[in-house]
N, C-alpha and C. Protein backbone atom coordinates (compact mmCIF):
# COMPACT_ATOMS: atom_id res chain seq x y z
N MET A 1 6.96 37.13 13.44
CA MET A 1 6.93 36.07 14.43
C MET A 1 6.88 34.70 13.75
N TYR A 2 6.06 34.61 12.69
CA TYR A 2 5.92 33.35 11.97
C TYR A 2 7.26 32.91 11.39
N ILE A 3 8.00 33.86 10.83
CA ILE A 3 9.29 33.53 10.23
C ILE A 3 10.24 33.00 11.30
N LEU A 4 10.24 33.59 12.48
CA LEU A 4 11.11 33.12 13.57
C LEU A 4 10.74 31.70 13.99
N LEU A 5 9.46 31.41 14.02
CA LEU A 5 9.00 30.08 14.39
C LEU A 5 9.45 29.04 13.36
N VAL A 6 9.31 29.36 12.08
CA VAL A 6 9.74 28.46 11.01
C VAL A 6 11.25 28.26 11.08
N PHE A 7 11.98 29.35 11.31
CA PHE A 7 13.44 29.27 11.40
C PHE A 7 13.87 28.41 12.59
N ALA A 8 13.21 28.56 13.73
CA ALA A 8 13.54 27.74 14.92
C ALA A 8 13.27 26.27 14.65
N PHE A 9 12.17 25.98 13.97
CA PHE A 9 11.85 24.60 13.61
C PHE A 9 12.92 24.02 12.69
N ALA A 10 13.36 24.80 11.71
CA ALA A 10 14.39 24.33 10.78
C ALA A 10 15.70 24.03 11.51
N ILE A 11 16.08 24.88 12.46
CA ILE A 11 17.31 24.65 13.21
C ILE A 11 17.19 23.39 14.07
N ALA A 12 16.05 23.20 14.70
CA ALA A 12 15.85 21.99 15.51
C ALA A 12 15.97 20.74 14.65
N ASN A 13 15.39 20.76 13.47
CA ASN A 13 15.47 19.60 12.58
C ASN A 13 16.88 19.37 12.07
N THR A 14 17.61 20.44 11.79
CA THR A 14 18.97 20.26 11.26
C THR A 14 19.91 19.76 12.34
N ARG A 15 19.64 20.01 13.59
CA ARG A 15 20.47 19.43 14.66
C ARG A 15 20.36 17.92 14.66
N GLN A 16 19.18 17.41 14.35
CA GLN A 16 19.01 15.96 14.27
C GLN A 16 19.79 15.38 13.10
N ILE A 17 19.91 16.14 12.02
CA ILE A 17 20.65 15.68 10.86
C ILE A 17 22.11 15.44 11.23
N CYS A 18 22.66 16.28 12.09
CA CYS A 18 24.07 16.16 12.47
C CYS A 18 24.36 14.85 13.18
N ALA A 19 23.35 14.19 13.70
CA ALA A 19 23.55 12.93 14.42
C ALA A 19 23.53 11.72 13.49
N GLN A 20 23.59 11.97 12.19
CA GLN A 20 23.51 10.87 11.22
C GLN A 20 24.60 9.83 11.44
N GLU A 21 24.20 8.58 11.39
CA GLU A 21 25.14 7.47 11.41
C GLU A 21 24.99 6.75 10.09
N ASP A 22 26.08 6.65 9.34
CA ASP A 22 26.04 6.04 8.02
C ASP A 22 26.10 4.52 8.13
N THR A 23 25.14 3.86 7.52
CA THR A 23 25.16 2.40 7.42
C THR A 23 24.68 2.01 6.04
N ALA A 24 25.10 0.87 5.57
CA ALA A 24 24.70 0.41 4.24
C ALA A 24 23.18 0.26 4.13
N ASN A 25 22.51 0.00 5.24
CA ASN A 25 21.05 -0.17 5.20
C ASN A 25 20.33 1.12 4.84
N GLN A 26 20.99 2.27 5.02
CA GLN A 26 20.35 3.55 4.71
C GLN A 26 20.58 3.96 3.25
N ARG A 27 21.42 3.22 2.55
CA ARG A 27 21.80 3.56 1.18
C ARG A 27 20.60 3.41 0.26
N ILE A 28 20.42 4.39 -0.63
CA ILE A 28 19.35 4.33 -1.62
C ILE A 28 19.96 4.40 -3.02
N ILE A 29 19.20 3.97 -3.99
CA ILE A 29 19.65 3.99 -5.37
C ILE A 29 18.97 5.14 -6.10
N LEU A 30 19.78 5.98 -6.75
CA LEU A 30 19.25 7.01 -7.62
C LEU A 30 19.16 6.39 -9.01
N LYS A 31 17.96 6.03 -9.39
CA LYS A 31 17.75 5.22 -10.59
C LYS A 31 18.14 5.92 -11.89
N LYS A 32 17.89 7.23 -11.98
CA LYS A 32 18.17 7.95 -13.23
C LYS A 32 19.67 8.03 -13.52
N VAL A 33 20.49 7.90 -12.49
CA VAL A 33 21.94 8.03 -12.65
C VAL A 33 22.66 6.71 -12.38
N SER A 34 21.96 5.75 -11.82
CA SER A 34 22.53 4.43 -11.48
C SER A 34 23.71 4.55 -10.52
N VAL A 35 23.48 5.29 -9.44
CA VAL A 35 24.45 5.37 -8.34
C VAL A 35 23.69 5.14 -7.05
N SER A 36 24.43 4.87 -5.98
CA SER A 36 23.80 4.78 -4.67
C SER A 36 24.41 5.85 -3.77
N ILE A 37 23.63 6.23 -2.76
CA ILE A 37 24.01 7.32 -1.85
C ILE A 37 23.39 7.05 -0.49
N ILE A 38 24.07 7.51 0.55
CA ILE A 38 23.50 7.49 1.90
C ILE A 38 23.01 8.91 2.18
N PRO A 39 21.70 9.13 2.17
CA PRO A 39 21.21 10.50 2.41
C PRO A 39 21.41 10.92 3.86
N PRO A 40 21.50 12.22 4.10
CA PRO A 40 21.54 12.67 5.50
C PRO A 40 20.27 12.26 6.22
N LYS A 41 20.39 12.04 7.50
CA LYS A 41 19.24 11.67 8.32
C LYS A 41 18.15 12.73 8.19
N HIS A 42 16.93 12.30 8.09
CA HIS A 42 15.73 13.13 8.00
C HIS A 42 15.54 13.78 6.63
N PHE A 43 16.38 13.45 5.66
CA PHE A 43 16.14 13.87 4.29
C PHE A 43 15.26 12.81 3.65
N GLU A 44 14.45 13.20 2.69
CA GLU A 44 13.53 12.28 2.02
C GLU A 44 13.89 12.17 0.55
N TYR A 45 13.77 10.98 0.03
CA TYR A 45 14.02 10.75 -1.39
C TYR A 45 12.73 10.94 -2.16
N ASP A 46 12.77 11.77 -3.18
CA ASP A 46 11.63 11.99 -4.07
C ASP A 46 11.91 11.23 -5.37
N SER A 47 11.24 10.12 -5.56
CA SER A 47 11.51 9.25 -6.72
C SER A 47 11.08 9.89 -8.04
N VAL A 48 10.17 10.84 -8.00
CA VAL A 48 9.73 11.51 -9.23
C VAL A 48 10.84 12.40 -9.77
N THR A 49 11.46 13.19 -8.89
CA THR A 49 12.52 14.11 -9.32
C THR A 49 13.91 13.50 -9.17
N ASP A 50 14.01 12.35 -8.49
CA ASP A 50 15.28 11.69 -8.19
C ASP A 50 16.16 12.61 -7.34
N MET A 51 15.52 13.39 -6.46
CA MET A 51 16.23 14.31 -5.57
C MET A 51 16.06 13.88 -4.12
N ILE A 52 16.97 14.34 -3.29
CA ILE A 52 16.91 14.11 -1.86
C ILE A 52 16.64 15.48 -1.22
N LEU A 53 15.58 15.55 -0.41
CA LEU A 53 15.11 16.85 0.09
C LEU A 53 14.95 16.86 1.60
N HIS A 54 15.17 18.03 2.18
CA HIS A 54 14.82 18.30 3.57
C HIS A 54 14.01 19.59 3.54
N LYS A 55 12.69 19.42 3.49
CA LYS A 55 11.80 20.56 3.27
C LYS A 55 11.87 21.59 4.38
N GLY A 56 12.08 21.16 5.62
CA GLY A 56 12.12 22.10 6.73
C GLY A 56 13.28 23.08 6.66
N SER A 57 14.36 22.70 6.00
CA SER A 57 15.52 23.58 5.90
C SER A 57 15.73 24.11 4.49
N MET A 58 14.88 23.74 3.55
CA MET A 58 15.01 24.12 2.14
C MET A 58 16.31 23.59 1.54
N ALA A 59 16.80 22.45 2.02
CA ALA A 59 18.02 21.85 1.51
C ALA A 59 17.67 20.78 0.49
N SER A 60 18.53 20.62 -0.51
CA SER A 60 18.30 19.60 -1.53
C SER A 60 19.62 19.06 -2.05
N ILE A 61 19.55 17.83 -2.54
CA ILE A 61 20.69 17.17 -3.17
C ILE A 61 20.18 16.54 -4.46
N GLN A 62 20.88 16.80 -5.55
CA GLN A 62 20.52 16.14 -6.80
C GLN A 62 21.77 15.71 -7.54
N THR A 63 21.66 14.64 -8.28
CA THR A 63 22.80 14.06 -8.98
C THR A 63 22.43 13.82 -10.43
N LYS A 64 23.36 14.16 -11.32
CA LYS A 64 23.18 13.95 -12.75
C LYS A 64 24.42 13.28 -13.30
N GLU A 65 24.28 12.73 -14.48
CA GLU A 65 25.42 12.12 -15.15
C GLU A 65 25.70 12.86 -16.45
N VAL A 66 26.98 13.15 -16.69
CA VAL A 66 27.41 13.71 -17.97
C VAL A 66 28.18 12.58 -18.66
N LYS A 67 27.53 11.95 -19.62
CA LYS A 67 28.10 10.75 -20.25
C LYS A 67 29.28 11.10 -21.15
N ASN A 68 30.24 10.19 -21.14
CA ASN A 68 31.41 10.27 -22.02
C ASN A 68 32.21 11.56 -21.86
N ARG A 69 32.23 12.11 -20.65
CA ARG A 69 32.99 13.33 -20.39
C ARG A 69 33.62 13.21 -19.01
N ASN A 70 34.94 13.27 -18.94
CA ASN A 70 35.66 13.16 -17.68
C ASN A 70 35.46 14.43 -16.85
N TYR A 71 35.29 14.25 -15.54
CA TYR A 71 35.01 15.38 -14.66
C TYR A 71 36.14 16.41 -14.64
N LYS A 72 37.37 15.99 -14.89
CA LYS A 72 38.49 16.94 -14.87
C LYS A 72 38.39 17.93 -16.02
N LYS A 73 37.87 17.49 -17.16
CA LYS A 73 37.66 18.41 -18.29
C LYS A 73 36.55 19.41 -17.97
N ILE A 74 35.51 18.94 -17.32
CA ILE A 74 34.41 19.83 -16.97
C ILE A 74 34.85 20.85 -15.93
N THR A 75 35.52 20.39 -14.89
CA THR A 75 35.89 21.29 -13.79
C THR A 75 36.98 22.28 -14.17
N ALA A 76 37.74 21.99 -15.22
CA ALA A 76 38.78 22.93 -15.65
C ALA A 76 38.18 24.27 -16.05
N GLY A 77 36.94 24.26 -16.52
CA GLY A 77 36.28 25.50 -16.93
C GLY A 77 35.53 26.23 -15.83
N ILE A 78 35.50 25.66 -14.64
CA ILE A 78 34.77 26.29 -13.54
C ILE A 78 35.73 27.22 -12.79
N THR A 79 35.65 28.48 -13.12
CA THR A 79 36.49 29.52 -12.52
C THR A 79 35.61 30.53 -11.79
N SER A 80 36.25 31.40 -11.02
CA SER A 80 35.50 32.46 -10.34
C SER A 80 34.74 33.32 -11.34
N GLU A 81 35.39 33.61 -12.46
CA GLU A 81 34.76 34.45 -13.49
C GLU A 81 33.55 33.75 -14.10
N TYR A 82 33.70 32.46 -14.41
CA TYR A 82 32.58 31.71 -14.97
C TYR A 82 31.43 31.65 -13.96
N MET A 83 31.74 31.36 -12.72
CA MET A 83 30.69 31.27 -11.69
C MET A 83 29.95 32.60 -11.55
N ALA A 84 30.68 33.71 -11.64
CA ALA A 84 30.06 35.03 -11.52
C ALA A 84 29.05 35.26 -12.65
N THR A 85 29.33 34.75 -13.84
CA THR A 85 28.38 34.91 -14.95
C THR A 85 27.09 34.13 -14.69
N GLN A 86 27.15 33.15 -13.80
CA GLN A 86 25.99 32.34 -13.46
C GLN A 86 25.28 32.83 -12.19
N GLY A 87 25.79 33.92 -11.60
CA GLY A 87 25.19 34.48 -10.39
C GLY A 87 25.70 33.87 -9.10
N PHE A 88 26.87 33.22 -9.15
CA PHE A 88 27.45 32.56 -7.98
C PHE A 88 28.79 33.21 -7.62
N ILE A 89 29.12 33.17 -6.35
CA ILE A 89 30.44 33.57 -5.87
C ILE A 89 31.17 32.29 -5.49
N LEU A 90 32.28 32.03 -6.15
CA LEU A 90 33.06 30.83 -5.84
C LEU A 90 33.82 31.07 -4.54
N ILE A 91 33.61 30.18 -3.57
CA ILE A 91 34.24 30.29 -2.26
C ILE A 91 35.47 29.39 -2.17
N ASP A 92 35.35 28.16 -2.68
CA ASP A 92 36.43 27.19 -2.50
C ASP A 92 36.37 26.12 -3.58
N ARG A 93 37.53 25.56 -3.87
CA ARG A 93 37.67 24.41 -4.78
C ARG A 93 38.65 23.46 -4.13
N GLN A 94 38.24 22.19 -3.93
CA GLN A 94 39.10 21.21 -3.26
C GLN A 94 39.13 19.91 -4.05
N GLU A 95 40.31 19.32 -4.15
CA GLU A 95 40.42 17.96 -4.65
C GLU A 95 40.27 17.06 -3.43
N ILE A 96 39.32 16.12 -3.51
CA ILE A 96 39.01 15.27 -2.36
C ILE A 96 38.93 13.82 -2.80
N LYS A 97 38.75 12.94 -1.83
CA LYS A 97 38.49 11.52 -2.08
C LYS A 97 37.06 11.22 -1.67
N MET A 98 36.39 10.44 -2.51
CA MET A 98 35.07 9.93 -2.15
C MET A 98 35.28 8.84 -1.11
N GLN A 99 34.21 8.43 -0.44
CA GLN A 99 34.32 7.39 0.58
C GLN A 99 34.76 6.05 -0.01
N ASP A 100 34.52 5.85 -1.31
CA ASP A 100 34.96 4.60 -1.95
C ASP A 100 36.38 4.71 -2.52
N GLY A 101 37.06 5.83 -2.26
CA GLY A 101 38.43 6.02 -2.69
C GLY A 101 38.60 6.73 -4.02
N GLU A 102 37.52 6.97 -4.76
CA GLU A 102 37.60 7.66 -6.04
C GLU A 102 37.99 9.13 -5.82
N ASP A 103 38.72 9.68 -6.78
CA ASP A 103 39.07 11.11 -6.75
C ASP A 103 37.85 11.93 -7.15
N ALA A 104 37.80 13.16 -6.63
CA ALA A 104 36.69 14.05 -6.93
C ALA A 104 37.13 15.49 -6.71
N ILE A 105 36.33 16.42 -7.21
CA ILE A 105 36.56 17.84 -6.96
C ILE A 105 35.27 18.41 -6.38
N LEU A 106 35.42 19.16 -5.29
CA LEU A 106 34.28 19.77 -4.60
C LEU A 106 34.40 21.28 -4.66
N PHE A 107 33.37 21.92 -5.20
CA PHE A 107 33.30 23.37 -5.25
C PHE A 107 32.29 23.84 -4.21
N THR A 108 32.59 24.95 -3.56
CA THR A 108 31.65 25.60 -2.65
C THR A 108 31.41 27.00 -3.19
N SER A 109 30.15 27.37 -3.31
CA SER A 109 29.81 28.70 -3.81
C SER A 109 28.63 29.26 -3.03
N ARG A 110 28.40 30.54 -3.23
CA ARG A 110 27.29 31.25 -2.57
C ARG A 110 26.42 31.87 -3.67
N PHE A 111 25.11 31.86 -3.42
CA PHE A 111 24.19 32.54 -4.33
C PHE A 111 23.00 33.05 -3.54
N LYS A 112 22.26 33.95 -4.15
CA LYS A 112 21.07 34.50 -3.52
C LYS A 112 19.83 33.84 -4.11
N SER A 113 18.88 33.55 -3.23
CA SER A 113 17.59 33.02 -3.65
C SER A 113 16.55 33.53 -2.66
N HIS A 114 15.37 32.97 -2.71
CA HIS A 114 14.29 33.44 -1.85
C HIS A 114 13.70 32.29 -1.04
N ASP A 115 13.26 32.61 0.18
CA ASP A 115 12.58 31.61 0.99
C ASP A 115 11.12 31.52 0.54
N ALA A 116 10.34 30.70 1.23
CA ALA A 116 8.94 30.48 0.86
C ALA A 116 8.11 31.76 0.92
N ASN A 117 8.55 32.73 1.70
CA ASN A 117 7.82 33.99 1.84
C ASN A 117 8.34 35.07 0.90
N GLY A 118 9.29 34.72 0.05
CA GLY A 118 9.82 35.69 -0.90
C GLY A 118 10.97 36.53 -0.37
N LYS A 119 11.41 36.26 0.84
CA LYS A 119 12.52 37.02 1.42
C LYS A 119 13.84 36.53 0.83
N GLU A 120 14.69 37.47 0.40
CA GLU A 120 15.98 37.10 -0.18
C GLU A 120 16.90 36.53 0.89
N MET A 121 17.58 35.43 0.53
CA MET A 121 18.49 34.76 1.46
C MET A 121 19.75 34.34 0.72
N ASP A 122 20.85 34.20 1.48
CA ASP A 122 22.08 33.64 0.92
C ASP A 122 22.03 32.13 1.07
N PHE A 123 22.38 31.43 0.00
CA PHE A 123 22.44 29.98 -0.01
C PHE A 123 23.86 29.54 -0.35
N ILE A 124 24.19 28.35 0.07
CA ILE A 124 25.45 27.70 -0.29
C ILE A 124 25.13 26.59 -1.27
N ARG A 125 25.97 26.47 -2.29
CA ARG A 125 25.85 25.34 -3.22
C ARG A 125 27.18 24.59 -3.20
N LEU A 126 27.08 23.29 -2.93
CA LEU A 126 28.22 22.40 -3.07
C LEU A 126 28.05 21.68 -4.40
N MET A 127 29.11 21.65 -5.19
CA MET A 127 29.08 20.90 -6.45
C MET A 127 30.22 19.90 -6.40
N LEU A 128 29.87 18.65 -6.51
CA LEU A 128 30.84 17.56 -6.45
C LEU A 128 30.89 16.87 -7.80
N PHE A 129 32.10 16.74 -8.35
CA PHE A 129 32.31 16.10 -9.64
C PHE A 129 33.23 14.90 -9.43
N SER A 130 32.81 13.75 -9.94
CA SER A 130 33.61 12.53 -9.84
C SER A 130 33.31 11.64 -11.04
N GLY A 131 33.98 10.51 -11.11
CA GLY A 131 33.73 9.56 -12.18
C GLY A 131 34.95 9.38 -13.07
N LYS A 132 34.89 8.42 -13.92
CA LYS A 132 36.01 8.14 -14.83
C LYS A 132 35.63 8.55 -16.25
N GLU A 133 35.06 7.65 -17.03
CA GLU A 133 34.69 7.99 -18.40
C GLU A 133 33.52 8.98 -18.44
N SER A 134 32.58 8.79 -17.55
CA SER A 134 31.44 9.69 -17.42
C SER A 134 31.52 10.39 -16.07
N THR A 135 30.97 11.60 -16.03
CA THR A 135 31.03 12.41 -14.81
C THR A 135 29.75 12.27 -14.01
N ILE A 136 29.89 12.07 -12.72
CA ILE A 136 28.78 12.15 -11.78
C ILE A 136 28.85 13.56 -11.18
N TRP A 137 27.79 14.33 -11.38
CA TRP A 137 27.75 15.73 -10.96
C TRP A 137 26.64 15.87 -9.92
N THR A 138 27.04 16.17 -8.69
CA THR A 138 26.09 16.30 -7.60
C THR A 138 26.07 17.73 -7.10
N THR A 139 24.88 18.28 -6.92
CA THR A 139 24.74 19.61 -6.33
C THR A 139 23.91 19.50 -5.06
N ALA A 140 24.32 20.25 -4.07
CA ALA A 140 23.58 20.33 -2.81
C ALA A 140 23.43 21.81 -2.47
N ASP A 141 22.21 22.23 -2.22
CA ASP A 141 21.91 23.62 -1.87
C ASP A 141 21.30 23.66 -0.48
N PHE A 142 21.68 24.69 0.28
CA PHE A 142 21.09 24.90 1.61
C PHE A 142 21.30 26.34 2.03
N PRO A 143 20.44 26.87 2.93
CA PRO A 143 20.61 28.24 3.40
C PRO A 143 21.95 28.42 4.13
N GLU A 144 22.64 29.49 3.82
CA GLU A 144 23.95 29.73 4.44
C GLU A 144 23.85 29.83 5.96
N CYS A 145 22.74 30.33 6.48
CA CYS A 145 22.58 30.47 7.93
C CYS A 145 22.57 29.12 8.64
N LEU A 146 22.42 28.02 7.91
CA LEU A 146 22.41 26.68 8.50
C LEU A 146 23.71 25.90 8.25
N THR A 147 24.72 26.58 7.76
CA THR A 147 25.97 25.91 7.38
C THR A 147 26.54 25.08 8.52
N LYS A 148 26.61 25.62 9.71
CA LYS A 148 27.22 24.89 10.84
C LYS A 148 26.45 23.61 11.16
N GLN A 149 25.16 23.62 10.99
CA GLN A 149 24.34 22.46 11.34
C GLN A 149 24.27 21.43 10.22
N ILE A 150 24.34 21.85 8.97
CA ILE A 150 23.95 20.95 7.89
C ILE A 150 25.06 20.63 6.89
N GLU A 151 26.10 21.45 6.82
CA GLU A 151 27.12 21.24 5.78
C GLU A 151 27.85 19.90 5.92
N THR A 152 28.28 19.54 7.12
CA THR A 152 29.02 18.28 7.31
C THR A 152 28.17 17.06 6.96
N PRO A 153 26.93 16.94 7.44
CA PRO A 153 26.12 15.79 7.04
C PRO A 153 25.88 15.73 5.52
N ILE A 154 25.73 16.87 4.89
CA ILE A 154 25.53 16.86 3.43
C ILE A 154 26.82 16.43 2.74
N LYS A 155 27.97 16.92 3.19
CA LYS A 155 29.25 16.48 2.59
C LYS A 155 29.44 14.98 2.79
N ASN A 156 29.12 14.49 3.98
CA ASN A 156 29.23 13.05 4.23
C ASN A 156 28.33 12.27 3.27
N SER A 157 27.16 12.80 3.01
CA SER A 157 26.23 12.13 2.12
C SER A 157 26.73 12.13 0.68
N ILE A 158 27.09 13.28 0.16
CA ILE A 158 27.46 13.33 -1.26
C ILE A 158 28.77 12.61 -1.55
N THR A 159 29.64 12.52 -0.55
CA THR A 159 30.88 11.76 -0.78
C THR A 159 30.65 10.26 -0.63
N SER A 160 29.44 9.85 -0.22
CA SER A 160 29.11 8.42 -0.15
C SER A 160 28.62 7.88 -1.49
N ILE A 161 28.44 8.76 -2.46
CA ILE A 161 27.94 8.32 -3.77
C ILE A 161 28.93 7.36 -4.41
N THR A 162 28.38 6.28 -4.95
CA THR A 162 29.21 5.28 -5.62
C THR A 162 28.40 4.62 -6.72
N ARG A 163 29.10 4.13 -7.72
CA ARG A 163 28.42 3.36 -8.78
C ARG A 163 28.10 1.96 -8.30
N ASN A 164 28.70 1.55 -7.17
CA ASN A 164 28.38 0.25 -6.60
C ASN A 164 26.97 0.30 -6.03
N ILE A 165 26.12 -0.53 -6.52
CA ILE A 165 24.74 -0.58 -6.03
C ILE A 165 24.68 -1.72 -5.00
N PHE A 166 24.45 -1.35 -3.75
CA PHE A 166 24.47 -2.32 -2.66
C PHE A 166 23.13 -3.00 -2.50
């Protein structure tokens, strides 16, 4: 019963996330990477880890920089076989445009993890690679059962990443 209650709460919170309206006033700066991002509504920025979290849904977004390495070189090695060695199932690979017009590659994969009670669950990981001389590498994880409610707001958020600090 407790698990159903927690799950219902998570779904109610993720419905609010879908109503996100992007504005420059919501943009935050990720200091460790020197980029800015518009987080999904109701996600919180943790300045210690430099991550964006939604604790009720176990969703997270984190961004790292790979200096002096173009994202196309990095993504060339990300294959279904490579992902399988890391415990992931590659679902999709797309060449996309960031909201600022920069080119990027977005990978969607599935992996297994555990909820707070130790129950095994399927999760989705989005990996977004962009940048010119250096790569901006963003990962977003969330429970697969919440894909319909949370995937679009997370994609909107991670594609808002820019080196322009507003």
